Amino acid sequence: MSKIQNTQRYSLSMSDLWKNTEKTMDEIGPLLKAAENTSFEDRKFTYARGGPGGVIPFRNATEKSWVALSQGTDVLVEHFLHKVPKGNYDRRLALREMEARWPDLASKHFYDRYGALTHYLRNNKEYFSSLDLDMLRFEVGRLKAYLADIKTAIK
């Protein structure tokens, strides 16, 4: 969900935003399956473990993964710091502050995990530098574990 007029408030409540994040994660699996299509005009391609027919679903999967990562992190930050980050940099600052204030959160390494997920998911969303379907599946698995830990932390 987009933020209202580019402010720090979402148009949804945080509980609804979390539900939206889970719904977005459910949409990624079928996109990853569709990205396996390596045919184009009756020819087979092996383009970075994807293919011309699967490029659009691959890009949509990276987009949805990035959205789920940013929304889930926003829910976590809002729960503990009672503010919604404005963007990627503010999320990292907030996660760093949370780990400094709450040692139990530091043990989950949210800051490090967010940074690592951001590197692959955001770069493929923005730059499409490496279309590696196996790598995307791996990162989506890590994203699921990250979101599961967030769910545990906010309960």
Protein backbone atom coordinates (compact mmCIF):
# COMPACT_ATOMS: atom_id res chain seq x y z
CA MET A 1 0.00 0.00 0.00
CA SER A 2 1.28 3.41 -0.80
CA LYS A 3 1.83 5.96 1.89
CA ILE A 4 -0.63 8.87 2.04
CA GLN A 5 0.74 11.82 0.05
CA ASN A 6 4.30 10.66 0.67
CA THR A 7 4.00 11.34 4.39
CA GLN A 8 4.89 9.07 7.28
CA ARG A 9 1.38 7.64 7.56
CA TYR A 10 -0.02 4.65 5.66
CA SER A 11 -3.59 4.69 4.45
CA LEU A 12 -4.05 1.41 6.39
CA SER A 13 -3.72 0.60 10.05
CA MET A 14 -0.63 -1.37 11.01
CA SER A 15 -2.65 -4.57 11.53
CA ASP A 16 -4.17 -4.19 8.07
CA LEU A 17 -0.75 -3.40 6.64
CA TRP A 18 0.56 -6.64 8.15
CA LYS A 19 -2.34 -8.56 6.55
CA ASN A 20 -1.51 -6.88 3.24
CA THR A 21 2.13 -7.94 3.64
CA GLU A 22 1.09 -11.57 4.18
CA LYS A 23 -1.21 -11.38 1.15
CA THR A 24 1.64 -9.98 -0.94
CA MET A 25 3.88 -12.87 0.15
CA ASP A 26 1.21 -15.34 -1.01
CA GLU A 27 1.32 -13.78 -4.49
CA ILE A 28 5.06 -14.33 -4.90
CA GLY A 29 4.96 -18.14 -5.24
CA PRO A 30 2.87 -18.22 -8.43
CA LEU A 31 5.06 -15.48 -9.93
CA LEU A 32 8.19 -17.54 -9.24
CA LYS A 33 6.52 -20.51 -10.95
CA ALA A 34 5.61 -18.36 -13.97
CA ALA A 35 9.20 -17.09 -14.14
CA GLU A 36 10.33 -20.62 -14.99
CA ASN A 37 8.96 -20.17 -18.51
CA THR A 38 11.99 -20.08 -20.78
CA SER A 39 10.14 -20.06 -24.10
CA PHE A 40 9.75 -17.12 -26.43
CA GLU A 41 8.29 -17.40 -29.93
CA ASP A 42 8.62 -21.20 -29.86
CA ARG A 43 12.33 -21.01 -28.97
CA LYS A 44 13.96 -22.05 -25.71
CA PHE A 45 16.33 -19.73 -23.91
CA THR A 46 18.46 -20.02 -20.81
CA TYR A 47 18.89 -16.41 -19.80
CA ALA A 48 20.32 -16.29 -16.29
CA ARG A 49 18.24 -19.29 -15.18
CA GLY A 50 15.07 -17.58 -16.31
CA GLY A 51 13.95 -16.75 -19.78
CA PRO A 52 12.39 -14.07 -21.91
CA GLY A 53 8.92 -15.49 -21.21
CA GLY A 54 9.60 -15.41 -17.47
CA VAL A 55 11.21 -11.99 -17.16
CA ILE A 56 8.01 -10.08 -16.36
CA PRO A 57 6.90 -12.51 -13.61
CA PHE A 58 10.47 -12.46 -12.26
CA ARG A 59 10.39 -8.67 -12.04
CA ASN A 60 6.93 -8.71 -10.49
CA ALA A 61 8.14 -11.22 -7.88
CA THR A 62 11.08 -8.97 -6.98
CA GLU A 63 8.75 -5.97 -6.77
CA LYS A 64 6.33 -7.77 -4.45
CA SER A 65 9.22 -9.11 -2.36
CA TRP A 66 10.55 -5.59 -1.89
CA VAL A 67 7.08 -4.32 -0.94
CA ALA A 68 6.65 -7.12 1.62
CA LEU A 69 10.11 -6.41 3.07
CA SER A 70 9.53 -2.68 3.42
CA GLN A 71 5.99 -2.98 4.77
CA GLY A 72 6.90 -5.69 7.26
CA THR A 73 9.84 -3.64 8.49
CA ASP A 74 7.61 -0.56 8.78
CA VAL A 75 5.19 -2.54 10.95
CA LEU A 76 8.07 -3.66 13.19
CA VAL A 77 9.47 -0.15 13.55
CA GLU A 78 6.05 1.37 14.23
CA HIS A 79 5.36 -1.25 16.89
CA PHE A 80 8.52 -0.48 18.87
CA LEU A 81 9.33 3.16 18.06
CA HIS A 82 5.81 4.44 17.28
CA LYS A 83 6.91 6.06 14.03
CA VAL A 84 6.84 4.98 10.41
CA PRO A 85 10.10 5.32 8.48
CA LYS A 86 10.04 7.54 5.41
CA GLY A 87 12.21 5.24 3.32
CA ASN A 88 15.03 2.72 3.16
CA TYR A 89 17.57 4.89 4.99
CA ASP A 90 15.13 5.70 7.81
CA ARG A 91 14.31 2.00 8.16
CA ARG A 92 17.97 1.18 8.65
CA LEU A 93 18.39 3.96 11.22
CA ALA A 94 15.29 2.78 13.07
CA LEU A 95 16.42 -0.85 13.10
CA ARG A 96 19.82 0.21 14.40
CA GLU A 97 18.15 2.25 17.16
CA MET A 98 15.87 -0.66 18.08
CA GLU A 99 18.80 -3.06 18.37
CA ALA A 100 20.59 -0.59 20.63
CA ARG A 101 17.56 -0.17 22.90
CA TRP A 102 16.28 -3.78 23.04
CA PRO A 103 18.93 -6.52 23.31
CA ASP A 104 16.35 -9.24 22.59
CA LEU A 105 15.71 -7.62 19.20
CA ALA A 106 19.44 -7.36 18.60
CA SER A 107 19.65 -11.14 18.92
CA LYS A 108 17.34 -11.44 15.89
CA HIS A 109 19.74 -9.33 13.77
CA PHE A 110 16.94 -7.42 12.03
CA TYR A 111 19.31 -4.68 10.89
CA ASP A 112 21.74 -7.08 9.22
CA ARG A 113 19.02 -9.20 7.69
CA TYR A 114 17.19 -6.17 6.35
CA GLY A 115 20.40 -4.88 4.77
CA ALA A 116 21.16 -8.23 3.14
CA LEU A 117 17.64 -8.67 1.77
CA THR A 118 17.61 -5.10 0.55
CA HIS A 119 20.79 -5.63 -1.44
CA TYR A 120 19.36 -8.39 -3.63
CA LEU A 121 15.64 -7.61 -3.70
CA ARG A 122 15.88 -3.86 -4.13
CA ASN A 123 18.64 -4.04 -6.72
CA ASN A 124 16.62 -6.46 -8.81
CA LYS A 125 13.53 -4.28 -8.43
CA GLU A 126 15.34 -1.13 -9.49
CA TYR A 127 18.16 -2.27 -11.76
CA PHE A 128 17.39 -5.87 -12.78
CA SER A 129 21.10 -6.53 -12.73
CA SER A 130 21.08 -10.28 -12.18
CA LEU A 131 18.04 -12.29 -13.18
CA ASP A 132 18.83 -15.46 -11.25
CA LEU A 133 15.64 -17.33 -10.44
CA ASP A 134 17.30 -19.74 -7.99
CA MET A 135 18.81 -16.81 -6.10
CA LEU A 136 15.43 -15.06 -5.96
CA ARG A 137 13.82 -18.21 -4.55
CA PHE A 138 16.56 -18.36 -1.91
CA GLU A 139 16.06 -14.70 -0.98
CA VAL A 140 12.27 -15.11 -0.81
CA GLY A 141 12.83 -17.98 1.64
CA ARG A 142 15.00 -15.71 3.76
CA LEU A 143 12.33 -13.00 3.51
CA LYS A 144 9.71 -15.44 4.83
CA ALA A 145 11.93 -16.24 7.82
CA TYR A 146 12.52 -12.51 8.42
CA LEU A 147 8.79 -11.79 8.37
CA ALA A 148 8.11 -14.75 10.67
CA ASP A 149 10.56 -13.29 13.18
CA ILE A 150 8.85 -9.90 12.89
CA LYS A 151 5.50 -11.53 13.57
CA THR A 152 6.97 -13.16 16.68
CA ALA A 153 8.52 -9.89 17.85
CA ILE A 154 5.32 -7.84 17.56
CA LYS A 155 3.14 -10.38 19.35
